[in-house]
């Protein structure tokens, strides 16, 4: 399977200006994401899609591949689709968040493997168990519920499901924003009209559900941390300081393999 990995990286950011170029432990954010993603065994090609020449040059300086895209895209998914349009040989397109430097290459491989097995499913993503109770009331942490076959029922910024009657320990899942798209569906998805639930929650994956498309959700034991503020930079640097090297990648001491 030909798998194209795309990291959308927009220069402008209200809370953290020039975010992709923010330095984290001596390396730029975009470099850390790229270096993690390129270790994925299932990616055929990896490219950064950006709206600013400064990011292109920064990526090229560390040996990565970057392309310029339009500046008026409404979302990272639209930016990824622009790249995918020119890659007709790509069967699967992975949208890799450009602000999650602790993303693990195994997460990408696990998602690609699942999409290869579910040959008729147009779209897939990841989830992990919510371990921090504070995340349940944090609207920046998206939650997801799935059916018995592992397909998404709903995504929300609220804690779902609502526990009216609790028997045993309640289980909640956090949605991780790495997406896999069949190339043809990605191009179609970006042309679908926005939907009411999508706009209410500000979650574009709900557009697919509201239009009747299934989303495969794969569980992983790994988690990620998004970098949106200067405080997030400090948090990631702290976590990196707690990491120890293994045979091929670095991983937190508390992590176990999927």
C-alpha atoms as a PDB file:
ATOM      1  CA  UNK A   1       0.000   0.000   0.000  1.00  0.00           C
ATOM      2  CA  UNK A   2       1.313   3.440  -0.951  1.00  0.00           C
ATOM      3  CA  UNK A   3       0.964   5.657   2.120  1.00  0.00           C
ATOM      4  CA  UNK A   4       1.521   9.404   2.042  1.00  0.00           C
ATOM      5  CA  UNK A   5       2.165  11.149   5.351  1.00  0.00           C
ATOM      6  CA  UNK A   6       1.427  14.877   5.452  1.00  0.00           C
ATOM      7  CA  UNK A   7       2.186  17.236   8.336  1.00  0.00           C
ATOM      8  CA  UNK A   8       0.182  20.480   7.964  1.00  0.00           C
ATOM      9  CA  UNK A   9       2.099  23.404   9.489  1.00  0.00           C
ATOM     10  CA  UNK A  10       0.608  26.891   9.515  1.00  0.00           C
ATOM     11  CA  UNK A  11       2.949  29.745  10.462  1.00  0.00           C
ATOM     12  CA  UNK A  12       0.377  31.964  12.129  1.00  0.00           C
ATOM     13  CA  UNK A  13      -0.831  31.168  15.639  1.00  0.00           C
ATOM     14  CA  UNK A  14      -2.606  33.493  18.063  1.00  0.00           C
ATOM     15  CA  UNK A  15      -1.364  31.848  21.249  1.00  0.00           C
ATOM     16  CA  UNK A  16       2.118  30.884  20.037  1.00  0.00           C
ATOM     17  CA  UNK A  17       3.390  32.962  17.093  1.00  0.00           C
ATOM     18  CA  UNK A  18       5.465  31.051  14.513  1.00  0.00           C
ATOM     19  CA  UNK A  19       4.539  27.859  16.355  1.00  0.00           C
ATOM     20  CA  UNK A  20       6.120  25.318  13.953  1.00  0.00           C
ATOM     21  CA  UNK A  21       9.487  27.031  14.470  1.00  0.00           C
ATOM     22  CA  UNK A  22       9.214  27.207  18.261  1.00  0.00           C
ATOM     23  CA  UNK A  23      12.284  25.663  19.869  1.00  0.00           C
ATOM     24  CA  UNK A  24      11.766  22.683  22.160  1.00  0.00           C
ATOM     25  CA  UNK A  25      14.878  21.323  23.804  1.00  0.00           C
ATOM     26  CA  UNK A  26      17.119  22.705  21.076  1.00  0.00           C
ATOM     27  CA  UNK A  27      15.037  21.563  18.082  1.00  0.00           C
ATOM     28  CA  UNK A  28      12.104  23.184  16.320  1.00  0.00           C
ATOM     29  CA  UNK A  29       8.627  21.803  16.904  1.00  0.00           C
ATOM     30  CA  UNK A  30       8.222  20.890  13.240  1.00  0.00           C
ATOM     31  CA  UNK A  31      11.523  19.018  13.229  1.00  0.00           C
ATOM     32  CA  UNK A  32      10.560  16.977  16.289  1.00  0.00           C
ATOM     33  CA  UNK A  33       7.255  15.990  14.691  1.00  0.00           C
ATOM     34  CA  UNK A  34       8.934  15.175  11.367  1.00  0.00           C
ATOM     35  CA  UNK A  35      11.707  13.102  12.960  1.00  0.00           C
ATOM     36  CA  UNK A  36       9.155  11.064  14.905  1.00  0.00           C
ATOM     37  CA  UNK A  37       6.888  10.517  11.902  1.00  0.00           C
ATOM     38  CA  UNK A  38       9.677   9.465   9.542  1.00  0.00           C
ATOM     39  CA  UNK A  39      10.419   6.493  11.792  1.00  0.00           C
ATOM     40  CA  UNK A  40       7.032   4.980  10.906  1.00  0.00           C
ATOM     41  CA  UNK A  41       7.592   1.842   8.874  1.00  0.00           C
ATOM     42  CA  UNK A  42       4.347   2.092   6.888  1.00  0.00           C
ATOM     43  CA  UNK A  43       4.884   5.550   5.374  1.00  0.00           C
ATOM     44  CA  UNK A  44       5.960   5.576   1.728  1.00  0.00           C
ATOM     45  CA  UNK A  45       6.542   9.335   1.693  1.00  0.00           C
ATOM     46  CA  UNK A  46       6.486  12.133   4.277  1.00  0.00           C
ATOM     47  CA  UNK A  47       6.033  15.832   3.531  1.00  0.00           C
ATOM     48  CA  UNK A  48       5.331  19.030   5.446  1.00  0.00           C
ATOM     49  CA  UNK A  49       2.540  21.152   3.935  1.00  0.00           C
ATOM     50  CA  UNK A  50       2.891  24.787   4.923  1.00  0.00           C
ATOM     51  CA  UNK A  51       1.811  28.322   4.063  1.00  0.00           C
ATOM     52  CA  UNK A  52       5.140  30.016   4.747  1.00  0.00           C
ATOM     53  CA  UNK A  53       8.517  29.894   3.019  1.00  0.00           C
ATOM     54  CA  UNK A  54      10.321  30.149   6.361  1.00  0.00           C
ATOM     55  CA  UNK A  55       8.941  26.769   7.358  1.00  0.00           C
ATOM     56  CA  UNK A  56       9.890  25.272   3.991  1.00  0.00           C
ATOM     57  CA  UNK A  57      13.462  26.458   4.476  1.00  0.00           C
ATOM     58  CA  UNK A  58      13.618  25.217   8.068  1.00  0.00           C
ATOM     59  CA  UNK A  59      12.443  21.742   7.017  1.00  0.00           C
ATOM     60  CA  UNK A  60      14.882  21.596   4.120  1.00  0.00           C
ATOM     61  CA  UNK A  61      17.747  22.589   6.419  1.00  0.00           C
ATOM     62  CA  UNK A  62      17.312  19.446   8.502  1.00  0.00           C
ATOM     63  CA  UNK A  63      16.881  17.265   5.414  1.00  0.00           C
ATOM     64  CA  UNK A  64      13.091  17.017   5.310  1.00  0.00           C
ATOM     65  CA  UNK A  65      10.634  17.567   2.467  1.00  0.00           C
ATOM     66  CA  UNK A  66       8.236  20.522   2.484  1.00  0.00           C
ATOM     67  CA  UNK A  67       5.872  22.093  -0.031  1.00  0.00           C
ATOM     68  CA  UNK A  68       4.083  25.426  -0.158  1.00  0.00           C
ATOM     69  CA  UNK A  69       0.286  25.355  -0.110  1.00  0.00           C
ATOM     70  CA  UNK A  70      -2.385  28.033  -0.267  1.00  0.00           C
ATOM     71  CA  UNK A  71      -2.676  30.435   2.651  1.00  0.00           C
ATOM     72  CA  UNK A  72      -6.483  30.515   2.767  1.00  0.00           C
ATOM     73  CA  UNK A  73      -7.179  26.935   3.858  1.00  0.00           C
ATOM     74  CA  UNK A  74      -9.777  26.697   6.622  1.00  0.00           C
ATOM     75  CA  UNK A  75      -8.159  23.651   8.243  1.00  0.00           C
ATOM     76  CA  UNK A  76      -5.132  21.412   8.233  1.00  0.00           C
ATOM     77  CA  UNK A  77      -7.199  18.749   6.488  1.00  0.00           C
ATOM     78  CA  UNK A  78      -7.764  21.091   3.543  1.00  0.00           C
ATOM     79  CA  UNK A  79      -4.008  21.689   3.394  1.00  0.00           C
ATOM     80  CA  UNK A  80      -3.367  17.937   3.412  1.00  0.00           C
ATOM     81  CA  UNK A  81      -5.909  17.460   0.618  1.00  0.00           C
ATOM     82  CA  UNK A  82      -4.123  20.008  -1.564  1.00  0.00           C
ATOM     83  CA  UNK A  83      -0.961  17.911  -1.354  1.00  0.00           C
ATOM     84  CA  UNK A  84      -2.870  14.661  -1.917  1.00  0.00           C
ATOM     85  CA  UNK A  85      -4.400  15.999  -5.139  1.00  0.00           C
ATOM     86  CA  UNK A  86      -0.974  15.967  -6.771  1.00  0.00           C
ATOM     87  CA  UNK A  87      -0.120  12.493  -5.440  1.00  0.00           C
ATOM     88  CA  UNK A  88      -2.314  10.246  -7.565  1.00  0.00           C
ATOM     89  CA  UNK A  89      -0.394   7.107  -6.582  1.00  0.00           C
ATOM     90  CA  UNK A  90      -1.131   7.513  -2.868  1.00  0.00           C
ATOM     91  CA  UNK A  91      -3.731   4.997  -1.723  1.00  0.00           C
ATOM     92  CA  UNK A  92      -3.821   6.175   1.876  1.00  0.00           C
ATOM     93  CA  UNK A  93      -3.121   9.655   3.255  1.00  0.00           C
ATOM     94  CA  UNK A  94      -2.155  10.183   6.905  1.00  0.00           C
ATOM     95  CA  UNK A  95      -2.845  13.600   8.411  1.00  0.00           C
ATOM     96  CA  UNK A  96      -0.183  13.995  11.135  1.00  0.00           C
ATOM     97  CA  UNK A  97      -0.702  16.851  13.567  1.00  0.00           C
ATOM     98  CA  UNK A  98       2.168  19.324  13.355  1.00  0.00           C
ATOM     99  CA  UNK A  99       1.969  20.364  17.005  1.00  0.00           C
ATOM    100  CA  UNK A 100       2.401  16.997  18.755  1.00  0.00           C
ATOM    101  CA  UNK A 101       6.143  16.346  19.129  1.00  0.00           C
ATOM    102  CA  UNK A 102       5.637  13.318  21.390  1.00  0.00           C
ATOM    103  CA  UNK A 103       3.664  11.487  18.726  1.00  0.00           C
ATOM    104  CA  UNK A 104       5.016   7.942  18.312  1.00  0.00           C
ATOM    105  CA  UNK A 105       5.761   6.305  14.931  1.00  0.00           C
ATOM    106  CA  UNK A 106       4.034   3.144  16.175  1.00  0.00           C
ATOM    107  CA  UNK A 107       0.778   5.089  16.266  1.00  0.00           C
ATOM    108  CA  UNK A 108       0.997   5.736  12.532  1.00  0.00           C
ATOM    109  CA  UNK A 109       1.884   2.126  11.763  1.00  0.00           C
ATOM    110  CA  UNK A 110      -0.969   0.793  13.895  1.00  0.00           C
ATOM    111  CA  UNK A 111      -3.461   3.043  12.119  1.00  0.00           C
ATOM    112  CA  UNK A 112      -2.204   2.061   8.648  1.00  0.00           C
ATOM    113  CA  UNK A 113      -2.382  -1.632   9.569  1.00  0.00           C
ATOM    114  CA  UNK A 114      -5.994  -1.215  10.687  1.00  0.00           C
ATOM    115  CA  UNK A 115      -6.966   0.597   7.494  1.00  0.00           C
ATOM    116  CA  UNK A 116      -5.357  -2.107   5.410  1.00  0.00           C
ATOM    117  CA  UNK A 117      -7.516  -4.709   7.144  1.00  0.00           C
ATOM    118  CA  UNK A 118     -10.691  -2.590   6.820  1.00  0.00           C
ATOM    119  CA  UNK A 119     -10.419  -2.168   3.067  1.00  0.00           C
ATOM    120  CA  UNK A 120     -13.858  -0.573   2.619  1.00  0.00           C
ATOM    121  CA  UNK A 121     -13.592   1.991   5.428  1.00  0.00           C
ATOM    122  CA  UNK A 122     -12.939   5.511   4.123  1.00  0.00           C
ATOM    123  CA  UNK A 123     -11.399   7.032   7.244  1.00  0.00           C
ATOM    124  CA  UNK A 124      -9.673   6.081  10.490  1.00  0.00           C
ATOM    125  CA  UNK A 125      -8.217   7.627  13.630  1.00  0.00           C
ATOM    126  CA  UNK A 126      -6.865   6.764  17.105  1.00  0.00           C
ATOM    127  CA  UNK A 127      -7.999   6.808  20.718  1.00  0.00           C
ATOM    128  CA  UNK A 128      -6.434   6.130  24.094  1.00  0.00           C
ATOM    129  CA  UNK A 129      -7.792   5.646  27.598  1.00  0.00           C
ATOM    130  CA  UNK A 130      -8.302   8.836  29.576  1.00  0.00           C
ATOM    131  CA  UNK A 131      -5.932   8.547  32.521  1.00  0.00           C
ATOM    132  CA  UNK A 132      -6.251  12.051  33.963  1.00  0.00           C
ATOM    133  CA  UNK A 133      -9.713  12.787  35.429  1.00  0.00           C
ATOM    134  CA  UNK A 134      -9.162  16.510  34.776  1.00  0.00           C
ATOM    135  CA  UNK A 135      -9.270  15.786  31.043  1.00  0.00           C
ATOM    136  CA  UNK A 136     -12.955  14.885  31.231  1.00  0.00           C
ATOM    137  CA  UNK A 137     -13.983  18.499  31.833  1.00  0.00           C
ATOM    138  CA  UNK A 138     -11.334  19.976  29.549  1.00  0.00           C
ATOM    139  CA  UNK A 139     -12.942  20.993  26.237  1.00  0.00           C
ATOM    140  CA  UNK A 140      -9.524  20.926  24.556  1.00  0.00           C
ATOM    141  CA  UNK A 141      -9.409  17.159  25.131  1.00  0.00           C
ATOM    142  CA  UNK A 142     -11.775  15.528  22.659  1.00  0.00           C
ATOM    143  CA  UNK A 143     -13.546  12.385  23.799  1.00  0.00           C
ATOM    144  CA  UNK A 144     -14.885   9.577  21.627  1.00  0.00           C
ATOM    145  CA  UNK A 145     -17.266   6.631  21.976  1.00  0.00           C
ATOM    146  CA  UNK A 146     -17.268   3.637  19.631  1.00  0.00           C
ATOM    147  CA  UNK A 147     -19.462   0.670  18.790  1.00  0.00           C
ATOM    148  CA  UNK A 148     -18.537  -2.974  19.374  1.00  0.00           C
ATOM    149  CA  UNK A 149     -16.715  -3.170  16.047  1.00  0.00           C
ATOM    150  CA  UNK A 150     -14.547  -0.153  16.858  1.00  0.00           C
ATOM    151  CA  UNK A 151     -16.339   2.419  14.706  1.00  0.00           C
ATOM    152  CA  UNK A 152     -16.989   5.924  15.980  1.00  0.00           C
ATOM    153  CA  UNK A 153     -20.433   6.712  17.332  1.00  0.00           C
ATOM    154  CA  UNK A 154     -19.632  10.281  18.360  1.00  0.00           C
ATOM    155  CA  UNK A 155     -16.845  12.714  19.218  1.00  0.00           C
ATOM    156  CA  UNK A 156     -17.344  15.465  21.784  1.00  0.00           C
ATOM    157  CA  UNK A 157     -15.554  18.057  23.861  1.00  0.00           C
ATOM    158  CA  UNK A 158     -17.817  16.966  26.720  1.00  0.00           C
ATOM    159  CA  UNK A 159     -17.339  13.827  28.769  1.00  0.00           C
ATOM    160  CA  UNK A 160     -19.126  10.996  26.956  1.00  0.00           C
ATOM    161  CA  UNK A 161     -20.890   8.771  27.763  1.00  0.00           C
ATOM    162  CA  UNK A 162     -22.807  10.460  30.563  1.00  0.00           C
ATOM    163  CA  UNK A 163     -22.630   8.118  33.565  1.00  0.00           C
ATOM    164  CA  UNK A 164     -26.161   8.137  35.006  1.00  0.00           C
ATOM    165  CA  UNK A 165     -25.760   4.719  36.573  1.00  0.00           C
ATOM    166  CA  UNK A 166     -22.173   3.736  37.260  1.00  0.00           C
ATOM    167  CA  UNK A 167     -21.404   0.063  37.657  1.00  0.00           C
ATOM    168  CA  UNK A 168     -17.714  -0.476  38.176  1.00  0.00           C
ATOM    169  CA  UNK A 169     -15.059   1.963  37.013  1.00  0.00           C
ATOM    170  CA  UNK A 170     -16.255   4.308  34.223  1.00  0.00           C
ATOM    171  CA  UNK A 171     -14.163   4.167  31.055  1.00  0.00           C
ATOM    172  CA  UNK A 172     -13.535   7.190  28.848  1.00  0.00           C
ATOM    173  CA  UNK A 173     -11.478   7.489  25.694  1.00  0.00           C
ATOM    174  CA  UNK A 174      -9.492  10.451  24.432  1.00  0.00           C
ATOM    175  CA  UNK A 175      -9.414  11.052  20.707  1.00  0.00           C
ATOM    176  CA  UNK A 176      -5.933  11.437  19.214  1.00  0.00           C
ATOM    177  CA  UNK A 177      -5.914  13.647  16.142  1.00  0.00           C
ATOM    178  CA  UNK A 178      -4.038  11.495  13.664  1.00  0.00           C
ATOM    179  CA  UNK A 179      -6.267  10.669  10.685  1.00  0.00           C
ATOM    180  CA  UNK A 180      -6.046   8.148   7.888  1.00  0.00           C
ATOM    181  CA  UNK A 181      -8.003   8.829   4.694  1.00  0.00           C
ATOM    182  CA  UNK A 182      -8.439   6.890   1.508  1.00  0.00           C
ATOM    183  CA  UNK A 183      -7.156   9.447  -0.968  1.00  0.00           C
ATOM    184  CA  UNK A 184     -10.384   9.608  -2.971  1.00  0.00           C
ATOM    185  CA  UNK A 185     -12.434  10.054   0.182  1.00  0.00           C
ATOM    186  CA  UNK A 186     -10.152  12.815   1.483  1.00  0.00           C
ATOM    187  CA  UNK A 187     -10.718  14.818  -1.692  1.00  0.00           C
ATOM    188  CA  UNK A 188     -14.461  14.217  -1.385  1.00  0.00           C
ATOM    189  CA  UNK A 189     -14.539  14.967   2.351  1.00  0.00           C
ATOM    190  CA  UNK A 190     -13.091  18.448   1.935  1.00  0.00           C
ATOM    191  CA  UNK A 191     -15.872  19.242  -0.542  1.00  0.00           C
ATOM    192  CA  UNK A 192     -18.710  18.135   1.739  1.00  0.00           C
ATOM    193  CA  UNK A 193     -20.726  20.974   3.272  1.00  0.00           C
ATOM    194  CA  UNK A 194     -20.092  21.638   6.995  1.00  0.00           C
ATOM    195  CA  UNK A 195     -22.693  20.154   9.343  1.00  0.00           C
ATOM    196  CA  UNK A 196     -24.512  21.392  12.449  1.00  0.00           C
ATOM    197  CA  UNK A 197     -22.813  19.089  14.933  1.00  0.00           C
ATOM    198  CA  UNK A 198     -19.434  19.827  13.397  1.00  0.00           C
ATOM    199  CA  UNK A 199     -20.019  23.538  13.866  1.00  0.00           C
ATOM    200  CA  UNK A 200     -21.449  23.128  17.374  1.00  0.00           C
ATOM    201  CA  UNK A 201     -18.473  21.108  18.648  1.00  0.00           C
ATOM    202  CA  UNK A 202     -15.905  22.615  16.268  1.00  0.00           C
ATOM    203  CA  UNK A 203     -14.833  19.086  15.311  1.00  0.00           C
ATOM    204  CA  UNK A 204     -14.586  18.466  11.584  1.00  0.00           C
ATOM    205  CA  UNK A 205     -14.589  14.651  11.929  1.00  0.00           C
ATOM    206  CA  UNK A 206     -18.275  14.938  12.823  1.00  0.00           C
ATOM    207  CA  UNK A 207     -18.855  16.033   9.238  1.00  0.00           C
ATOM    208  CA  UNK A 208     -18.018  12.519   8.088  1.00  0.00           C
ATOM    209  CA  UNK A 209     -20.380  10.916  10.610  1.00  0.00           C
ATOM    210  CA  UNK A 210     -23.237  13.299   9.825  1.00  0.00           C
ATOM    211  CA  UNK A 211     -22.890  12.553   6.131  1.00  0.00           C
ATOM    212  CA  UNK A 212     -23.117   8.818   6.854  1.00  0.00           C
ATOM    213  CA  UNK A 213     -19.484   7.722   6.554  1.00  0.00           C
ATOM    214  CA  UNK A 214     -17.876   5.321   9.008  1.00  0.00           C
ATOM    215  CA  UNK A 215     -14.706   6.113  10.934  1.00  0.00           C
ATOM    216  CA  UNK A 216     -12.564   3.270  12.231  1.00  0.00           C
ATOM    217  CA  UNK A 217     -11.114   4.105  15.659  1.00  0.00           C
ATOM    218  CA  UNK A 218      -8.029   2.194  16.767  1.00  0.00           C
ATOM    219  CA  UNK A 219      -6.984   2.048  20.405  1.00  0.00           C
ATOM    220  CA  UNK A 220      -3.391   2.701  21.413  1.00  0.00           C
ATOM    221  CA  UNK A 221      -1.682   2.869  24.807  1.00  0.00           C
ATOM    222  CA  UNK A 222       0.326   5.908  23.705  1.00  0.00           C
ATOM    223  CA  UNK A 223      -0.763   9.480  24.322  1.00  0.00           C
ATOM    224  CA  UNK A 224       0.307  12.856  22.938  1.00  0.00           C
ATOM    225  CA  UNK A 225       0.638  16.440  24.136  1.00  0.00           C
ATOM    226  CA  UNK A 226      -0.372  19.329  21.879  1.00  0.00           C
ATOM    227  CA  UNK A 227       1.816  22.433  21.847  1.00  0.00           C
ATOM    228  CA  UNK A 228      -0.350  25.551  21.708  1.00  0.00           C
ATOM    229  CA  UNK A 229       1.237  27.871  24.279  1.00  0.00           C
ATOM    230  CA  UNK A 230       4.598  28.690  25.841  1.00  0.00           C
ATOM    231  CA  UNK A 231       3.537  26.646  28.884  1.00  0.00           C
ATOM    232  CA  UNK A 232       2.995  23.631  26.616  1.00  0.00           C
ATOM    233  CA  UNK A 233       6.577  24.030  25.374  1.00  0.00           C
ATOM    234  CA  UNK A 234       7.818  23.819  28.971  1.00  0.00           C
ATOM    235  CA  UNK A 235       5.655  20.756  29.635  1.00  0.00           C
ATOM    236  CA  UNK A 236       7.015  18.923  26.595  1.00  0.00           C
ATOM    237  CA  UNK A 237      10.587  19.828  27.502  1.00  0.00           C
ATOM    238  CA  UNK A 238       9.980  18.389  30.967  1.00  0.00           C
ATOM    239  CA  UNK A 239       8.590  15.182  29.500  1.00  0.00           C
ATOM    240  CA  UNK A 240      11.498  14.900  27.084  1.00  0.00           C
ATOM    241  CA  UNK A 241      13.855  15.193  30.040  1.00  0.00           C
ATOM    242  CA  UNK A 242      12.162  12.184  31.613  1.00  0.00           C
ATOM    243  CA  UNK A 243      12.578  10.059  28.496  1.00  0.00           C
ATOM    244  CA  UNK A 244      15.262   7.412  28.138  1.00  0.00           C
ATOM    245  CA  UNK A 245      16.623   5.964  24.871  1.00  0.00           C
ATOM    246  CA  UNK A 246      15.685   2.498  23.662  1.00  0.00           C
ATOM    247  CA  UNK A 247      17.146   0.530  20.769  1.00  0.00           C
ATOM    248  CA  UNK A 248      15.630   2.690  18.036  1.00  0.00           C
ATOM    249  CA  UNK A 249      13.430   5.463  19.492  1.00  0.00           C
ATOM    250  CA  UNK A 250      12.980   7.347  22.720  1.00  0.00           C
ATOM    251  CA  UNK A 251       9.963   6.585  24.838  1.00  0.00           C
ATOM    252  CA  UNK A 252       8.619   7.703  28.207  1.00  0.00           C
ATOM    253  CA  UNK A 253       9.491   5.356  31.084  1.00  0.00           C
ATOM    254  CA  UNK A 254       5.806   4.896  31.854  1.00  0.00           C
ATOM    255  CA  UNK A 255       4.837   3.810  28.319  1.00  0.00           C
ATOM    256  CA  UNK A 256       4.283   0.266  27.218  1.00  0.00           C
ATOM    257  CA  UNK A 257       4.105  -0.916  23.630  1.00  0.00           C
ATOM    258  CA  UNK A 258       0.872  -1.326  21.781  1.00  0.00           C
END
